[in-house]
C-alpha atoms as a PDB file:
ATOM      1  CA  MET A   1       0.000   0.000   0.000  1.00  0.00           C
ATOM      2  CA  ARG A   2       2.724   2.344   0.921  1.00  0.00           C
ATOM      3  CA  ALA A   3       4.652   1.404  -2.217  1.00  0.00           C
ATOM      4  CA  SER A   4       1.672   2.159  -4.430  1.00  0.00           C
ATOM      5  CA  GLN A   5       1.122   5.508  -2.740  1.00  0.00           C
ATOM      6  CA  LEU A   6       4.776   6.347  -3.168  1.00  0.00           C
ATOM      7  CA  ALA A   7       4.579   5.368  -6.818  1.00  0.00           C
ATOM      8  CA  ILE A   8       1.509   7.526  -7.299  1.00  0.00           C
ATOM      9  CA  GLY A   9       3.279  10.427  -5.609  1.00  0.00           C
ATOM     10  CA  VAL A  10       6.295  10.037  -7.861  1.00  0.00           C
ATOM     11  CA  VAL A  11       4.046   9.907 -10.928  1.00  0.00           C
ATOM     12  CA  VAL A  12       2.251  13.075  -9.812  1.00  0.00           C
ATOM     13  CA  ILE A  13       5.519  14.858  -9.244  1.00  0.00           C
ATOM     14  CA  VAL A  14       6.841  13.767 -12.615  1.00  0.00           C
ATOM     15  CA  LEU A  15       3.625  14.857 -14.317  1.00  0.00           C
ATOM     16  CA  GLY A  16       3.805  18.196 -12.518  1.00  0.00           C
ATOM     17  CA  LEU A  17       7.362  18.698 -13.658  1.00  0.00           C
ATOM     18  CA  LEU A  18       6.373  17.742 -17.185  1.00  0.00           C
ATOM     19  CA  ALA A  19       3.443  20.167 -17.121  1.00  0.00           C
ATOM     20  CA  PHE A  20       5.630  22.911 -15.689  1.00  0.00           C
ATOM     21  CA  SER A  21       8.254  22.272 -18.347  1.00  0.00           C
ATOM     22  CA  THR A  22       5.642  22.143 -21.099  1.00  0.00           C
ATOM     23  CA  LEU A  23       3.790  25.374 -20.357  1.00  0.00           C
ATOM     24  CA  TYR A  24       5.166  28.886 -20.556  1.00  0.00           C
ATOM     25  CA  THR A  25       3.596  32.359 -20.443  1.00  0.00           C
ATOM     26  CA  VAL A  26       4.192  35.328 -22.750  1.00  0.00           C
ATOM     27  CA  HIS A  27       3.238  38.607 -21.113  1.00  0.00           C
ATOM     28  CA  GLN A  28       1.490  41.478 -22.850  1.00  0.00           C
ATOM     29  CA  ALA A  29       4.698  43.524 -23.224  1.00  0.00           C
ATOM     30  CA  GLU A  30       6.829  40.584 -24.373  1.00  0.00           C
ATOM     31  CA  GLN A  31       7.530  38.435 -27.400  1.00  0.00           C
ATOM     32  CA  ALA A  32       9.294  35.084 -27.343  1.00  0.00           C
ATOM     33  CA  ILE A  33      11.447  32.708 -29.364  1.00  0.00           C
ATOM     34  CA  VAL A  34      11.266  28.976 -28.790  1.00  0.00           C
ATOM     35  CA  LEU A  35      14.718  27.391 -28.978  1.00  0.00           C
ATOM     36  CA  GLN A  36      15.362  23.721 -29.568  1.00  0.00           C
ATOM     37  CA  PHE A  37      18.877  22.728 -28.627  1.00  0.00           C
ATOM     38  CA  GLY A  38      19.878  26.407 -28.962  1.00  0.00           C
ATOM     39  CA  LYS A  39      18.328  26.877 -32.408  1.00  0.00           C
ATOM     40  CA  PRO A  40      15.185  29.016 -32.911  1.00  0.00           C
ATOM     41  CA  VAL A  41      12.198  27.000 -34.076  1.00  0.00           C
ATOM     42  CA  ASN A  42       9.245  29.307 -33.369  1.00  0.00           C
ATOM     43  CA  VAL A  43       8.439  32.980 -32.764  1.00  0.00           C
ATOM     44  CA  VAL A  44       5.569  33.807 -30.419  1.00  0.00           C
ATOM     45  CA  LYS A  45       4.188  37.352 -30.299  1.00  0.00           C
ATOM     46  CA  GLU A  46       0.717  36.620 -28.913  1.00  0.00           C
ATOM     47  CA  PRO A  47       0.453  36.993 -25.130  1.00  0.00           C
ATOM     48  CA  GLY A  48      -0.936  34.137 -23.070  1.00  0.00           C
ATOM     49  CA  LEU A  49      -0.206  30.503 -22.176  1.00  0.00           C
ATOM     50  CA  HIS A  50       1.757  28.399 -24.696  1.00  0.00           C
ATOM     51  CA  PHE A  51       3.254  24.943 -24.962  1.00  0.00           C
ATOM     52  CA  LYS A  52       6.730  23.635 -25.704  1.00  0.00           C
ATOM     53  CA  ILE A  53       8.500  20.318 -25.657  1.00  0.00           C
ATOM     54  CA  PRO A  54       9.861  19.798 -22.158  1.00  0.00           C
ATOM     55  CA  PHE A  55      13.598  19.353 -21.639  1.00  0.00           C
ATOM     56  CA  VAL A  56      14.165  19.824 -25.365  1.00  0.00           C
ATOM     57  CA  GLN A  57      12.932  23.320 -25.975  1.00  0.00           C
ATOM     58  CA  ASN A  58      13.425  26.491 -23.967  1.00  0.00           C
ATOM     59  CA  VAL A  59      12.036  29.996 -24.367  1.00  0.00           C
ATOM     60  CA  GLN A  60      13.800  33.335 -24.557  1.00  0.00           C
ATOM     61  CA  THR A  61      11.664  36.460 -24.226  1.00  0.00           C
ATOM     62  CA  PHE A  62      12.270  39.999 -25.531  1.00  0.00           C
ATOM     63  CA  ASP A  63      10.620  43.255 -24.562  1.00  0.00           C
ATOM     64  CA  GLN A  64       8.432  44.676 -27.327  1.00  0.00           C
ATOM     65  CA  ARG A  65       8.001  48.086 -25.683  1.00  0.00           C
ATOM     66  CA  VAL A  66       9.980  51.174 -26.674  1.00  0.00           C
ATOM     67  CA  LEU A  67      13.473  50.913 -25.194  1.00  0.00           C
ATOM     68  CA  ASP A  68      15.891  53.711 -24.371  1.00  0.00           C
ATOM     69  CA  PHE A  69      19.575  53.591 -25.198  1.00  0.00           C
ATOM     70  CA  ASP A  70      22.009  56.138 -23.772  1.00  0.00           C
ATOM     71  CA  ALA A  71      25.081  56.209 -26.013  1.00  0.00           C
ATOM     72  CA  ALA A  72      28.517  56.997 -24.630  1.00  0.00           C
ATOM     73  CA  ALA A  73      29.834  60.521 -25.274  1.00  0.00           C
ATOM     74  CA  GLU A  74      32.106  60.563 -28.314  1.00  0.00           C
ATOM     75  CA  GLU A  75      34.359  63.145 -29.967  1.00  0.00           C
ATOM     76  CA  VAL A  76      33.021  64.068 -33.407  1.00  0.00           C
ATOM     77  CA  PRO A  77      34.875  66.319 -35.898  1.00  0.00           C
ATOM     78  CA  THR A  78      33.079  68.947 -38.009  1.00  0.00           C
ATOM     79  CA  ARG A  79      33.873  70.065 -41.538  1.00  0.00           C
ATOM     80  CA  ASP A  80      35.862  73.057 -40.263  1.00  0.00           C
ATOM     81  CA  GLN A  81      38.028  70.730 -38.144  1.00  0.00           C
ATOM     82  CA  LYS A  82      36.357  71.546 -34.823  1.00  0.00           C
ATOM     83  CA  GLN A  83      36.129  68.708 -32.317  1.00  0.00           C
ATOM     84  CA  LEU A  84      32.839  68.246 -30.452  1.00  0.00           C
ATOM     85  CA  VAL A  85      31.955  65.952 -27.563  1.00  0.00           C
ATOM     86  CA  VAL A  86      28.476  64.659 -28.464  1.00  0.00           C
ATOM     87  CA  ASP A  87      26.286  62.845 -25.923  1.00  0.00           C
ATOM     88  CA  ALA A  88      23.367  61.192 -27.760  1.00  0.00           C
ATOM     89  CA  PHE A  89      20.547  58.795 -26.947  1.00  0.00           C
ATOM     90  CA  ALA A  90      18.144  56.694 -29.008  1.00  0.00           C
ATOM     91  CA  ARG A  91      14.706  55.100 -28.621  1.00  0.00           C
ATOM     92  CA  TYR A  92      14.012  51.833 -30.410  1.00  0.00           C
ATOM     93  CA  ARG A  93      11.685  48.820 -30.473  1.00  0.00           C
ATOM     94  CA  ILE A  94      12.390  45.152 -31.275  1.00  0.00           C
ATOM     95  CA  VAL A  95      10.151  44.339 -34.231  1.00  0.00           C
ATOM     96  CA  ASP A  96      11.754  41.094 -35.448  1.00  0.00           C
ATOM     97  CA  PRO A  97      12.814  38.985 -32.450  1.00  0.00           C
ATOM     98  CA  LEU A  98      14.186  36.186 -34.655  1.00  0.00           C
ATOM     99  CA  MET A  99      16.537  38.500 -36.550  1.00  0.00           C
ATOM    100  CA  PHE A 100      17.374  40.268 -33.293  1.00  0.00           C
ATOM    101  CA  PHE A 101      18.367  36.955 -31.696  1.00  0.00           C
ATOM    102  CA  GLN A 102      20.359  35.799 -34.721  1.00  0.00           C
ATOM    103  CA  THR A 103      22.334  39.059 -35.103  1.00  0.00           C
ATOM    104  CA  VAL A 104      22.903  40.449 -31.606  1.00  0.00           C
ATOM    105  CA  ASN A 105      21.407  37.736 -29.361  1.00  0.00           C
ATOM    106  CA  ASN A 106      20.392  40.075 -26.498  1.00  0.00           C
ATOM    107  CA  ILE A 107      19.956  43.690 -25.336  1.00  0.00           C
ATOM    108  CA  ALA A 108      23.597  44.063 -24.314  1.00  0.00           C
ATOM    109  CA  GLY A 109      24.778  42.959 -27.748  1.00  0.00           C
ATOM    110  CA  MET A 110      22.266  45.280 -29.400  1.00  0.00           C
ATOM    111  CA  GLU A 111      23.347  48.325 -27.417  1.00  0.00           C
ATOM    112  CA  ASN A 112      26.970  47.616 -28.227  1.00  0.00           C
ATOM    113  CA  ARG A 113      26.221  47.571 -31.968  1.00  0.00           C
ATOM    114  CA  LEU A 114      23.776  50.480 -31.765  1.00  0.00           C
ATOM    115  CA  GLY A 115      26.385  52.688 -30.091  1.00  0.00           C
ATOM    116  CA  SER A 116      28.774  52.096 -32.992  1.00  0.00           C
ATOM    117  CA  VAL A 117      26.028  52.808 -35.550  1.00  0.00           C
ATOM    118  CA  ILE A 118      25.046  56.091 -33.866  1.00  0.00           C
ATOM    119  CA  ASN A 119      28.668  57.206 -33.560  1.00  0.00           C
ATOM    120  CA  ALA A 120      29.339  56.443 -37.237  1.00  0.00           C
ATOM    121  CA  SER A 121      26.218  58.347 -38.333  1.00  0.00           C
ATOM    122  CA  LEU A 122      27.137  61.345 -36.178  1.00  0.00           C
ATOM    123  CA  ARG A 123      30.611  61.444 -37.681  1.00  0.00           C
ATOM    124  CA  GLU A 124      29.268  61.122 -41.205  1.00  0.00           C
ATOM    125  CA  VAL A 125      26.622  63.859 -40.897  1.00  0.00           C
ATOM    126  CA  PHE A 126      28.423  66.308 -38.590  1.00  0.00           C
ATOM    127  CA  GLY A 127      31.654  65.863 -40.521  1.00  0.00           C
ATOM    128  CA  ASP A 128      29.956  67.365 -43.572  1.00  0.00           C
ATOM    129  CA  VAL A 129      28.793  70.610 -41.896  1.00  0.00           C
ATOM    130  CA  ALA A 130      30.512  73.528 -40.144  1.00  0.00           C
ATOM    131  CA  LEU A 131      30.266  74.125 -36.421  1.00  0.00           C
ATOM    132  CA  ALA A 132      28.236  77.312 -36.939  1.00  0.00           C
ATOM    133  CA  ARG A 133      25.421  75.322 -38.584  1.00  0.00           C
ATOM    134  CA  LEU A 134      25.221  72.966 -35.613  1.00  0.00           C
ATOM    135  CA  LEU A 135      24.509  75.920 -33.343  1.00  0.00           C
ATOM    136  CA  THR A 136      21.368  76.910 -35.270  1.00  0.00           C
ATOM    137  CA  GLN A 137      17.910  75.390 -35.743  1.00  0.00           C
ATOM    138  CA  GLU A 138      19.317  73.419 -38.653  1.00  0.00           C
ATOM    139  CA  ARG A 139      20.606  70.875 -36.139  1.00  0.00           C
ATOM    140  CA  SER A 140      17.070  69.434 -35.808  1.00  0.00           C
ATOM    141  CA  ALA A 141      17.038  68.595 -39.511  1.00  0.00           C
ATOM    142  CA  LEU A 142      20.494  67.030 -39.221  1.00  0.00           C
ATOM    143  CA  MET A 143      19.344  64.886 -36.295  1.00  0.00           C
ATOM    144  CA  LYS A 144      16.400  63.696 -38.389  1.00  0.00           C
ATOM    145  CA  VAL A 145      18.845  62.586 -41.087  1.00  0.00           C
ATOM    146  CA  ILE A 146      20.934  60.780 -38.456  1.00  0.00           C
ATOM    147  CA  ALA A 147      17.840  59.030 -37.068  1.00  0.00           C
ATOM    148  CA  GLU A 148      16.887  57.835 -40.562  1.00  0.00           C
ATOM    149  CA  ARG A 149      20.370  56.454 -41.169  1.00  0.00           C
ATOM    150  CA  VAL A 150      20.500  54.722 -37.793  1.00  0.00           C
ATOM    151  CA  ASN A 151      17.056  53.213 -38.457  1.00  0.00           C
ATOM    152  CA  GLU A 152      18.244  51.849 -41.825  1.00  0.00           C
ATOM    153  CA  GLU A 153      21.202  50.237 -40.090  1.00  0.00           C
ATOM    154  CA  GLY A 154      18.978  48.980 -37.272  1.00  0.00           C
ATOM    155  CA  GLU A 155      16.681  47.091 -39.634  1.00  0.00           C
ATOM    156  CA  ALA A 156      19.483  44.560 -40.123  1.00  0.00           C
ATOM    157  CA  PHE A 157      19.245  43.794 -36.392  1.00  0.00           C
ATOM    158  CA  GLY A 158      15.451  43.453 -36.306  1.00  0.00           C
ATOM    159  CA  ILE A 159      14.801  46.774 -34.567  1.00  0.00           C
ATOM    160  CA  ASN A 160      12.983  49.966 -35.464  1.00  0.00           C
ATOM    161  CA  VAL A 161      14.858  53.094 -34.339  1.00  0.00           C
ATOM    162  CA  ILE A 162      12.163  55.621 -33.488  1.00  0.00           C
ATOM    163  CA  ASP A 163      14.345  58.625 -32.705  1.00  0.00           C
ATOM    164  CA  VAL A 164      17.909  59.769 -32.116  1.00  0.00           C
ATOM    165  CA  ARG A 165      18.526  62.883 -30.055  1.00  0.00           C
ATOM    166  CA  ILE A 166      21.448  64.813 -28.606  1.00  0.00           C
ATOM    167  CA  LYS A 167      21.475  65.498 -24.891  1.00  0.00           C
ATOM    168  CA  ARG A 168      24.567  67.635 -24.846  1.00  0.00           C
ATOM    169  CA  VAL A 169      27.205  69.042 -27.205  1.00  0.00           C
ATOM    170  CA  ASP A 170      30.428  70.345 -25.688  1.00  0.00           C
ATOM    171  CA  LEU A 171      33.891  71.202 -26.799  1.00  0.00           C
ATOM    172  CA  PRO A 172      36.798  69.083 -25.538  1.00  0.00           C
ATOM    173  CA  GLU A 173      38.413  70.457 -22.386  1.00  0.00           C
ATOM    174  CA  GLU A 174      41.555  71.671 -24.150  1.00  0.00           C
ATOM    175  CA  ASN A 175      39.501  73.336 -26.889  1.00  0.00           C
ATOM    176  CA  SER A 176      37.188  74.933 -24.346  1.00  0.00           C
ATOM    177  CA  GLN A 177      40.155  76.438 -22.497  1.00  0.00           C
ATOM    178  CA  ALA A 178      41.707  77.688 -25.735  1.00  0.00           C
ATOM    179  CA  ILE A 179      38.417  79.244 -26.834  1.00  0.00           C
ATOM    180  CA  PHE A 180      37.953  80.778 -23.380  1.00  0.00           C
ATOM    181  CA  ASN A 181      41.439  82.318 -23.558  1.00  0.00           C
ATOM    182  CA  ARG A 182      40.788  83.616 -27.065  1.00  0.00           C
ATOM    183  CA  MET A 183      37.443  85.073 -26.013  1.00  0.00           C
ATOM    184  CA  GLN A 184      39.092  86.699 -23.007  1.00  0.00           C
ATOM    185  CA  THR A 185      41.768  88.243 -25.258  1.00  0.00           C
ATOM    186  CA  GLN A 186      39.117  89.480 -27.676  1.00  0.00           C
ATOM    187  CA  ARG A 187      37.100  91.011 -24.828  1.00  0.00           C
ATOM    188  CA  GLU A 188      40.215  92.724 -23.471  1.00  0.00           C
ATOM    189  CA  GLN A 189      40.998  94.106 -26.930  1.00  0.00           C
ATOM    190  CA  ALA A 190      37.413  95.306 -27.299  1.00  0.00           C
ATOM    191  CA  ALA A 191      37.599  96.905 -23.826  1.00  0.00           C
ATOM    192  CA  ARG A 192      40.842  98.705 -24.713  1.00  0.00           C
ATOM    193  CA  LYS A 193      39.314  99.909 -27.961  1.00  0.00           C
ATOM    194  CA  ILE A 194      36.202 101.158 -26.166  1.00  0.00           C
ATOM    195  CA  ARG A 195      38.315 102.901 -23.527  1.00  0.00           C
ATOM    196  CA  ALA A 196      40.456 104.512 -26.261  1.00  0.00           C
ATOM    197  CA  GLU A 197      37.381 105.678 -28.149  1.00  0.00           C
ATOM    198  CA  GLY A 198      35.894 106.924 -24.880  1.00  0.00           C
ATOM    199  CA  GLY A 199      39.082 108.844 -24.081  1.00  0.00           C
ATOM    200  CA  LYS A 200      39.113 110.347 -27.557  1.00  0.00           C
ATOM    201  CA  GLU A 201      35.460 111.346 -27.252  1.00  0.00           C
ATOM    202  CA  SER A 202      36.122 112.765 -23.776  1.00  0.00           C
ATOM    203  CA  LYS A 203      38.936 114.946 -25.116  1.00  0.00           C
ATOM    204  CA  ARG A 204      36.742 116.104 -27.985  1.00  0.00           C
ATOM    205  CA  ILE A 205      33.921 116.983 -25.604  1.00  0.00           C
ATOM    206  CA  HIS A 206      36.307 118.835 -23.268  1.00  0.00           C
ATOM    207  CA  ALA A 207      37.855 120.694 -26.195  1.00  0.00           C
ATOM    208  CA  ASP A 208      34.428 121.631 -27.504  1.00  0.00           C
ATOM    209  CA  ALA A 209      33.359 122.719 -24.019  1.00  0.00           C
ATOM    210  CA  ASP A 210      36.523 124.828 -23.625  1.00  0.00           C
ATOM    211  CA  LYS A 211      35.883 126.389 -27.017  1.00  0.00           C
ATOM    212  CA  GLN A 212      32.285 127.170 -26.143  1.00  0.00           C
ATOM    213  CA  ARG A 213      33.368 128.590 -22.779  1.00  0.00           C
ATOM    214  CA  THR A 214      35.937 130.825 -24.482  1.00  0.00           C
ATOM    215  CA  VAL A 215      33.344 132.001 -27.003  1.00  0.00           C
ATOM    216  CA  ILE A 216      30.775 132.592 -24.239  1.00  0.00           C
ATOM    217  CA  GLU A 217      33.298 134.503 -22.100  1.00  0.00           C
ATOM    218  CA  ALA A 218      34.400 136.568 -25.101  1.00  0.00           C
ATOM    219  CA  ASN A 219      30.804 137.348 -25.998  1.00  0.00           C
ATOM    220  CA  ALA A 220      30.029 138.182 -22.378  1.00  0.00           C
ATOM    221  CA  HIS A 221      33.090 140.419 -22.120  1.00  0.00           C
ATOM    222  CA  MET A 222      32.167 142.124 -25.347  1.00  0.00           C
ATOM    223  CA  GLN A 223      28.595 142.583 -24.170  1.00  0.00           C
ATOM    224  CA  SER A 224      29.791 143.911 -20.818  1.00  0.00           C
ATOM    225  CA  GLU A 225      32.052 146.427 -22.563  1.00  0.00           C
ATOM    226  CA  ILE A 226      29.175 147.474 -24.763  1.00  0.00           C
ATOM    227  CA  LEU A 227      26.896 147.843 -21.757  1.00  0.00           C
ATOM    228  CA  ARG A 228      29.604 149.655 -19.794  1.00  0.00           C
ATOM    229  CA  GLY A 229      30.153 152.035 -22.708  1.00  0.00           C
ATOM    230  CA  GLU A 230      26.420 152.571 -23.040  1.00  0.00           C
ATOM    231  CA  GLY A 231      26.201 153.123 -19.283  1.00  0.00           C
ATOM    232  CA  GLU A 232      29.068 155.567 -19.273  1.00  0.00           C
ATOM    233  CA  ALA A 233      27.548 157.352 -22.234  1.00  0.00           C
ATOM    234  CA  GLY A 234      24.206 157.457 -20.423  1.00  0.00           C
ATOM    235  CA  ALA A 235      25.897 158.709 -17.262  1.00  0.00           C
ATOM    236  CA  GLN A 236      27.777 161.352 -19.191  1.00  0.00           C
ATOM    237  CA  LYS A 237      24.562 162.434 -20.832  1.00  0.00           C
ATOM    238  CA  ILE A 238      22.922 162.684 -17.404  1.00  0.00           C
ATOM    239  CA  TYR A 239      25.904 164.672 -16.137  1.00  0.00           C
ATOM    240  CA  ASN A 240      25.729 166.945 -19.106  1.00  0.00           C
ATOM    241  CA  ASP A 241      21.986 167.403 -18.712  1.00  0.00           C
ATOM    242  CA  ALA A 242      22.429 168.086 -14.990  1.00  0.00           C
ATOM    243  CA  TYR A 243      25.271 170.525 -15.622  1.00  0.00           C
ATOM    244  CA  GLY A 244      23.212 172.280 -18.208  1.00  0.00           C
ATOM    245  CA  ARG A 245      20.309 172.751 -15.808  1.00  0.00           C
ATOM    246  CA  ASP A 246      22.282 174.102 -12.815  1.00  0.00           C
ATOM    247  CA  GLN A 247      25.987 174.523 -13.378  1.00  0.00           C
ATOM    248  CA  LYS A 248      26.719 175.893  -9.901  1.00  0.00           C
ATOM    249  CA  PHE A 249      24.975 172.999  -8.140  1.00  0.00           C
ATOM    250  CA  PHE A 250      26.647 170.454 -10.359  1.00  0.00           C
ATOM    251  CA  ASP A 251      30.014 172.050  -9.686  1.00  0.00           C
ATOM    252  CA  PHE A 252      29.258 171.867  -5.956  1.00  0.00           C
ATOM    253  CA  TRP A 253      28.175 168.188  -6.167  1.00  0.00           C
ATOM    254  CA  VAL A 254      31.227 167.180  -8.175  1.00  0.00           C
ATOM    255  CA  SER A 255      33.570 168.884  -5.712  1.00  0.00           C
ATOM    256  CA  MET A 256      31.871 167.289  -2.710  1.00  0.00           C
ATOM    257  CA  ASP A 257      31.886 163.832  -4.354  1.00  0.00           C
ATOM    258  CA  ALA A 258      35.565 164.171  -5.199  1.00  0.00           C
ATOM    259  CA  LEU A 259      36.297 165.177  -1.629  1.00  0.00           C
ATOM    260  CA  ARG A 260      34.264 162.272  -0.276  1.00  0.00           C
ATOM    261  CA  GLN A 261      36.058 159.811  -2.542  1.00  0.00           C
ATOM    262  CA  GLY A 262      39.451 161.252  -1.591  1.00  0.00           C
ATOM    263  CA  LEU A 263      38.891 161.297   2.143  1.00  0.00           C
ATOM    264  CA  GLN A 264      37.546 157.824   2.716  1.00  0.00           C
ATOM    265  CA  GLY A 265      38.295 156.156   6.048  1.00  0.00           C
ATOM    266  CA  GLY A 266      38.069 157.462   9.586  1.00  0.00           C
ATOM    267  CA  ASN A 267      41.790 158.287   9.906  1.00  0.00           C
ATOM    268  CA  THR A 268      42.230 160.153   6.622  1.00  0.00           C
ATOM    269  CA  ARG A 269      43.275 163.752   6.902  1.00  0.00           C
ATOM    270  CA  TYR A 270      43.645 166.454   4.332  1.00  0.00           C
ATOM    271  CA  VAL A 271      46.670 168.683   4.410  1.00  0.00           C
ATOM    272  CA  GLY A 272      46.687 171.642   2.042  1.00  0.00           C
ATOM    273  CA  PRO A 273      46.139 175.398   1.695  1.00  0.00           C
ATOM    274  CA  PRO A 274      42.700 176.631   2.739  1.00  0.00           C
ATOM    275  CA  ASP A 275      42.201 178.387  -0.539  1.00  0.00           C
ATOM    276  CA  ASN A 276      42.144 175.119  -2.444  1.00  0.00           C
ATOM    277  CA  ASP A 277      39.252 174.547  -4.854  1.00  0.00           C
ATOM    278  CA  PHE A 278      37.782 171.971  -2.476  1.00  0.00           C
ATOM    279  CA  PHE A 279      37.239 174.650   0.204  1.00  0.00           C
ATOM    280  CA  ARG A 280      35.828 177.454  -1.889  1.00  0.00           C
ATOM    281  CA  PHE A 281      32.252 176.336  -1.035  1.00  0.00           C
ATOM    282  CA  PHE A 282      32.943 176.558   2.710  1.00  0.00           C
ATOM    283  CA  GLY A 283      33.396 180.268   2.543  1.00  0.00           C
ATOM    284  CA  ASP A 284      30.610 180.903   0.076  1.00  0.00           C
ATOM    285  CA  ILE A 285      27.831 178.420  -0.758  1.00  0.00           C
ATOM    286  CA  THR A 286      27.798 179.703  -4.291  1.00  0.00           C
ATOM    287  CA  GLY A 287      31.475 178.981  -4.713  1.00  0.00           C
ATOM    288  CA  GLY A 288      32.269 182.647  -4.866  1.00  0.00           C
ATOM    289  CA  ALA A 289      35.380 182.106  -2.800  1.00  0.00           C
ATOM    290  CA  GLU A 290      37.002 180.699  -5.915  1.00  0.00           C
ATOM    291  CA  LYS A 291      40.623 181.465  -6.141  1.00  0.00           C
ATOM    292  CA  LYS A 292      41.324 184.562  -8.176  1.00  0.00           C
END
């Protein structure tokens, strides 16, 4: 009894192992290749439960979703002999798992080949254009050409390259330093030129200001002389009119004003004969004491 139960148990286990080895599942985002002694015998793209020959066949699955590949940064020359460090990435999908398995075997092999294809396409396209064109909107059109070429190469591996993009474009470190030094020299030259032009303009402005000041001072001096002459002429006319109206009073006023101007200050004294013209009005208000 125990022997029969043990035999039944062994049979059940063997059948379970056979069933487990016979059935396999393909998920919605996968596709599979059935291998028999290492050689592909069937391609399965429909998701669900499938059968295979146990212990003879095995299954290798591949992702059928869009995959991302980040290529290593590479130095790429341009037509004008400028070196660029280009960091690119690609997005692709496995569309023919059989060809994919036969050519590159797995994802690691594919990414190794894809990196070489992208680098070669970058060199071919960028090597035919100048650096200045890569810094404009034209780069988008060039990347489209690169993506088309990479896709053509990728068809031989059973993949569809959806897009190729550039994450970053830099100059090599030694080139960056050389360009920085050249830019610094150019900026210093431009600064010296601006300072020289500014100094020249400053001198011109100062010279023009000095000229205008000289002209203004000359005109002002001339105008002051004219006004002084007109004033003196007006004063002389007033004197003449006043003298003509009352000669004796005018004579008295002129003598007193001359005396006042001559004896300014509290300590000024006059020393002279009493019959001087300045004193003739002290003896006679009419000036009759004039020296004979």
